[in-house]
């Protein structure tokens, strides 16, 4: 007789706790928008041709596939624009851009 009452009490307590704290992290869209605005470069794609245009000088560029295979690693670019052509048959890539001031940005892109 007591066991069902204890189970019901535990269930009510658990549901109450879950309804009070429904999110692990609060959604803060203002911070996400601020990070997008602070990015000093743009990545443009046209088919398999990818162009990185930056307002700052680009130091290093690294590109790898979603499977983890590195396809481009170009050090000492020292330019504000960088072009490359995708030569593998993948659609999702990750790009890491390091600027001369030391800041590093990573981004996921898709190509057709």
Foldseek 3Di string as FASTA:
>chain_A
DVVVVVVVVVVVVVVVVCVVCVDPDDDDVVVVVVVVVPQQWDWDDDAQKIKIAGPAFWAWKWKDAPVGHTDDTDGGPRHRMDMDGDDDPGFKMKMWIAGPVGDIDIDIGGHD
